[in-house]
Amino acid sequence: MEATGNFVVESPDVVYGPDTIEAQYEYRTACVSREGSVLKVYPTSTRFTFRTARQVPRLGVMLVGWGGNNGSTLTAAVLANRLRLSWPTRTGRKEANYYGSPTQGGGGSP
């Protein structure tokens, strides 16, 4: 099956507006209570409305465990490379790179 960019949900619970798509959803579950020696089950439901913007925002990615030492180090490295950060050291100016070690100023080797 070939992927397509457009699709429409045909449902009485979905409404398409100019800026948003709204969907109604009914979550059904049960509550249990004890009355003496008898357990009674009561069906319950909660109605939710989900609203989705039709304009697709920039994609964001959330990774589990990203807040640890390795995740924060990787994030700092990506930002340093994106911003082309550099800093002075005793041996000369260093620039961020994706190789895991700073380079000499002017794009030299590590």
Protein backbone atom coordinates (compact mmCIF):
# COMPACT_ATOMS: atom_id res chain seq x y z
CA MET A 1 0.00 0.00 0.00
CA GLU A 2 1.39 3.38 -0.97
CA ALA A 3 1.59 6.17 1.64
CA THR A 4 -0.50 9.25 1.02
CA GLY A 5 -0.46 12.67 2.62
CA ASN A 6 -4.25 13.11 2.85
CA PHE A 7 -6.89 11.01 4.55
CA VAL A 8 -10.34 11.63 5.99
CA VAL A 9 -12.02 9.88 8.91
CA GLU A 10 -15.69 9.24 8.18
CA SER A 11 -17.29 9.22 11.64
CA PRO A 12 -20.09 11.10 13.38
CA ASP A 13 -17.59 11.74 16.22
CA VAL A 14 -15.09 13.63 14.02
CA VAL A 15 -15.60 17.23 12.89
CA TYR A 16 -13.27 18.96 10.43
CA GLY A 17 -12.90 22.72 10.85
CA PRO A 18 -10.74 25.19 8.92
CA ASP A 19 -7.96 25.17 11.57
CA THR A 20 -8.63 22.07 13.69
CA ILE A 21 -9.98 18.54 13.68
CA GLU A 22 -12.08 17.62 16.72
CA ALA A 23 -12.85 14.05 17.74
CA GLN A 24 -15.16 12.86 20.49
CA TYR A 25 -14.13 9.74 22.39
CA GLU A 26 -15.99 7.88 25.09
CA TYR A 27 -13.78 6.01 27.58
CA ARG A 28 -15.70 3.18 29.19
CA THR A 29 -14.62 1.39 32.33
CA ALA A 30 -16.13 0.01 35.52
CA CYS A 31 -16.02 0.88 39.22
CA VAL A 32 -16.17 -1.82 41.85
CA SER A 33 -17.48 -1.25 45.35
CA ARG A 34 -18.05 -3.54 48.31
CA GLU A 35 -21.39 -3.47 50.09
CA GLY A 36 -21.09 -5.88 52.97
CA SER A 37 -20.03 -9.21 51.49
CA VAL A 38 -21.21 -8.30 47.98
CA LEU A 39 -19.01 -6.71 45.28
CA LYS A 40 -20.97 -4.47 42.93
CA VAL A 41 -19.73 -3.38 39.52
CA TYR A 42 -20.93 -0.10 38.05
CA PRO A 43 -20.20 0.79 34.45
CA THR A 44 -18.87 4.34 34.02
CA SER A 45 -17.89 6.42 31.04
CA THR A 46 -16.03 9.66 30.46
CA ARG A 47 -16.36 11.69 27.28
CA PHE A 48 -13.18 13.31 25.93
CA THR A 49 -12.74 15.84 23.14
CA PHE A 50 -9.45 15.74 21.25
CA ARG A 51 -8.53 18.79 19.18
CA THR A 52 -5.72 18.58 16.62
CA ALA A 53 -4.37 21.55 14.68
CA ARG A 54 -4.46 21.04 10.92
CA GLN A 55 -1.23 23.00 10.45
CA VAL A 56 1.58 20.51 11.06
CA PRO A 57 4.14 21.95 13.52
CA ARG A 58 7.85 21.24 13.54
CA LEU A 59 8.61 17.69 14.52
CA GLY A 60 9.91 17.08 18.03
CA VAL A 61 11.33 13.84 19.36
CA MET A 62 11.23 12.70 22.97
CA LEU A 63 13.51 9.87 23.97
CA VAL A 64 13.22 8.02 27.27
CA GLY A 65 16.35 8.41 29.39
CA TRP A 66 17.53 11.49 27.51
CA GLY A 67 17.92 13.46 30.78
CA GLY A 68 20.88 11.39 32.05
CA ASN A 69 24.59 12.09 31.66
CA ASN A 70 24.87 10.60 28.17
CA GLY A 71 21.74 12.33 26.91
CA SER A 72 22.73 15.76 28.20
CA THR A 73 26.28 15.34 26.81
CA LEU A 74 24.91 14.39 23.39
CA THR A 75 22.48 17.32 23.45
CA ALA A 76 25.30 19.73 24.32
CA ALA A 77 27.43 18.32 21.49
CA VAL A 78 24.62 18.70 18.95
CA LEU A 79 23.99 22.30 20.05
CA ALA A 80 27.71 23.14 20.06
CA ASN A 81 28.03 21.87 16.50
CA ARG A 82 24.88 23.58 15.31
CA LEU A 83 26.01 26.90 16.82
CA ARG A 84 29.62 26.36 15.65
CA LEU A 85 30.99 27.12 19.10
CA SER A 86 34.68 27.67 19.66
CA TRP A 87 36.80 28.42 22.73
CA PRO A 88 40.38 29.44 23.54
CA THR A 89 42.77 26.95 25.16
CA ARG A 90 46.50 27.03 26.04
CA THR A 91 47.26 25.23 22.77
CA GLY A 92 45.08 27.46 20.58
CA ARG A 93 41.49 27.95 19.57
CA LYS A 94 39.30 24.80 19.52
CA GLU A 95 36.05 24.26 17.59
CA ALA A 96 33.22 21.82 18.23
CA ASN A 97 32.88 18.85 15.88
CA TYR A 98 30.98 15.59 15.71
CA TYR A 99 34.12 13.47 16.16
CA GLY A 100 34.08 13.77 19.95
CA SER A 101 37.23 15.89 20.16
CA PRO A 102 37.87 19.57 19.53
CA THR A 103 39.65 20.61 16.33
CA GLN A 104 42.32 23.22 15.82
CA GLY A 105 41.09 26.62 14.69
CA GLY A 106 40.58 26.83 10.93
CA GLY A 107 39.39 23.22 10.56
CA GLY A 108 42.70 21.44 11.32
CA SER A 109 42.97 17.91 12.65
CA PRO A 110 42.36 16.95 16.31
